[in-house]
C-alpha atoms as a PDB file:
ATOM      1  CA  UNK A   1       0.000   0.000   0.000  1.00  0.00           C
ATOM      2  CA  UNK A   2       1.074   3.558  -0.578  1.00  0.00           C
ATOM      3  CA  UNK A   3       2.710   4.687   2.693  1.00  0.00           C
ATOM      4  CA  UNK A   4       1.023   8.090   2.375  1.00  0.00           C
ATOM      5  CA  UNK A   5      -2.448   6.581   2.613  1.00  0.00           C
ATOM      6  CA  UNK A   6      -1.794   3.177   4.210  1.00  0.00           C
ATOM      7  CA  UNK A   7      -2.896   4.257   7.668  1.00  0.00           C
ATOM      8  CA  UNK A   8      -6.170   5.705   6.433  1.00  0.00           C
ATOM      9  CA  UNK A   9      -6.859   2.668   4.260  1.00  0.00           C
ATOM     10  CA  UNK A  10      -6.179   0.328   7.176  1.00  0.00           C
ATOM     11  CA  UNK A  11      -8.486   2.329   9.443  1.00  0.00           C
ATOM     12  CA  UNK A  12     -11.235   2.351   6.827  1.00  0.00           C
ATOM     13  CA  UNK A  13     -10.889  -1.413   6.290  1.00  0.00           C
ATOM     14  CA  UNK A  14     -11.076  -2.062  10.039  1.00  0.00           C
ATOM     15  CA  UNK A  15     -14.226   0.047  10.259  1.00  0.00           C
ATOM     16  CA  UNK A  16     -15.781  -1.911   7.381  1.00  0.00           C
ATOM     17  CA  UNK A  17     -14.871  -5.155   9.106  1.00  0.00           C
ATOM     18  CA  UNK A  18     -16.465  -3.958  12.334  1.00  0.00           C
ATOM     19  CA  UNK A  19     -19.630  -3.027  10.459  1.00  0.00           C
ATOM     20  CA  UNK A  20     -19.721  -6.420   8.720  1.00  0.00           C
ATOM     21  CA  UNK A  21     -19.438  -8.226  12.046  1.00  0.00           C
ATOM     22  CA  UNK A  22     -22.049  -5.967  13.623  1.00  0.00           C
ATOM     23  CA  UNK A  23     -24.544  -6.581  10.812  1.00  0.00           C
ATOM     24  CA  UNK A  24     -23.819 -10.317  10.906  1.00  0.00           C
ATOM     25  CA  UNK A  25     -24.612 -10.353  14.611  1.00  0.00           C
ATOM     26  CA  UNK A  26     -27.915  -8.596  13.932  1.00  0.00           C
ATOM     27  CA  UNK A  27     -28.829 -11.181  11.295  1.00  0.00           C
ATOM     28  CA  UNK A  28     -28.019 -14.011  13.698  1.00  0.00           C
ATOM     29  CA  UNK A  29     -30.141 -12.416  16.420  1.00  0.00           C
ATOM     30  CA  UNK A  30     -33.114 -11.504  14.216  1.00  0.00           C
ATOM     31  CA  UNK A  31     -33.312 -14.090  11.419  1.00  0.00           C
ATOM     32  CA  UNK A  32     -33.177 -17.718  12.543  1.00  0.00           C
ATOM     33  CA  UNK A  33     -33.774 -19.220   9.094  1.00  0.00           C
ATOM     34  CA  UNK A  34     -31.132 -17.079   7.409  1.00  0.00           C
ATOM     35  CA  UNK A  35     -28.685 -17.758  10.222  1.00  0.00           C
ATOM     36  CA  UNK A  36     -29.214 -21.491   9.840  1.00  0.00           C
ATOM     37  CA  UNK A  37     -28.541 -21.227   6.114  1.00  0.00           C
ATOM     38  CA  UNK A  38     -25.392 -19.127   6.592  1.00  0.00           C
ATOM     39  CA  UNK A  39     -23.781 -21.533   9.032  1.00  0.00           C
ATOM     40  CA  UNK A  40     -24.720 -24.577   6.967  1.00  0.00           C
ATOM     41  CA  UNK A  41     -27.519 -25.957   9.099  1.00  0.00           C
ATOM     42  CA  UNK A  42     -30.481 -27.851   7.755  1.00  0.00           C
ATOM     43  CA  UNK A  43     -32.910 -27.782  10.666  1.00  0.00           C
ATOM     44  CA  UNK A  44     -34.616 -24.916  12.439  1.00  0.00           C
ATOM     45  CA  UNK A  45     -32.305 -23.128  14.810  1.00  0.00           C
ATOM     46  CA  UNK A  46     -28.544 -22.968  14.699  1.00  0.00           C
ATOM     47  CA  UNK A  47     -25.495 -23.778  16.722  1.00  0.00           C
ATOM     48  CA  UNK A  48     -23.794 -20.797  18.373  1.00  0.00           C
ATOM     49  CA  UNK A  49     -20.435 -22.549  17.975  1.00  0.00           C
ATOM     50  CA  UNK A  50     -20.997 -22.569  14.208  1.00  0.00           C
ATOM     51  CA  UNK A  51     -21.844 -18.874  14.289  1.00  0.00           C
ATOM     52  CA  UNK A  52     -18.562 -18.249  16.108  1.00  0.00           C
ATOM     53  CA  UNK A  53     -16.714 -20.248  13.445  1.00  0.00           C
ATOM     54  CA  UNK A  54     -18.371 -18.157  10.736  1.00  0.00           C
ATOM     55  CA  UNK A  55     -17.202 -14.948  12.414  1.00  0.00           C
ATOM     56  CA  UNK A  56     -13.710 -16.425  12.700  1.00  0.00           C
ATOM     57  CA  UNK A  57     -13.671 -17.247   8.976  1.00  0.00           C
ATOM     58  CA  UNK A  58     -14.767 -13.710   8.123  1.00  0.00           C
ATOM     59  CA  UNK A  59     -12.057 -12.245  10.369  1.00  0.00           C
ATOM     60  CA  UNK A  60      -9.335 -14.564   9.051  1.00  0.00           C
ATOM     61  CA  UNK A  61     -10.172 -13.716   5.438  1.00  0.00           C
ATOM     62  CA  UNK A  62     -10.073 -10.010   6.281  1.00  0.00           C
ATOM     63  CA  UNK A  63      -6.677 -10.384   7.957  1.00  0.00           C
ATOM     64  CA  UNK A  64      -5.274 -12.219   4.914  1.00  0.00           C
ATOM     65  CA  UNK A  65      -6.580  -9.571   2.517  1.00  0.00           C
ATOM     66  CA  UNK A  66      -5.109  -6.809   4.642  1.00  0.00           C
ATOM     67  CA  UNK A  67      -1.723  -8.566   4.812  1.00  0.00           C
ATOM     68  CA  UNK A  68      -1.725  -9.066   1.034  1.00  0.00           C
ATOM     69  CA  UNK A  69      -2.203  -5.320   0.659  1.00  0.00           C
ATOM     70  CA  UNK A  70       0.489  -4.528   3.199  1.00  0.00           C
ATOM     71  CA  UNK A  71      -1.991  -3.030   5.656  1.00  0.00           C
ATOM     72  CA  UNK A  72      -2.356  -3.630   9.384  1.00  0.00           C
ATOM     73  CA  UNK A  73      -5.505  -5.523  10.281  1.00  0.00           C
END
């Protein structure tokens, strides 16, 4: 990343990540059927451990993208 804007880009990306996690949490809390689909369930309801794994996958992918761009996650 361009050193002149790297800090601002990293901050912006972290804010986007925070918003993505926040919205994901709202979906999990408000939409059981959608939550079940997102975590790969087939029955009504969902496993909170699977939700945690989904958030971990989102965070890990973000960290890898940031590293590839030379930005601090």
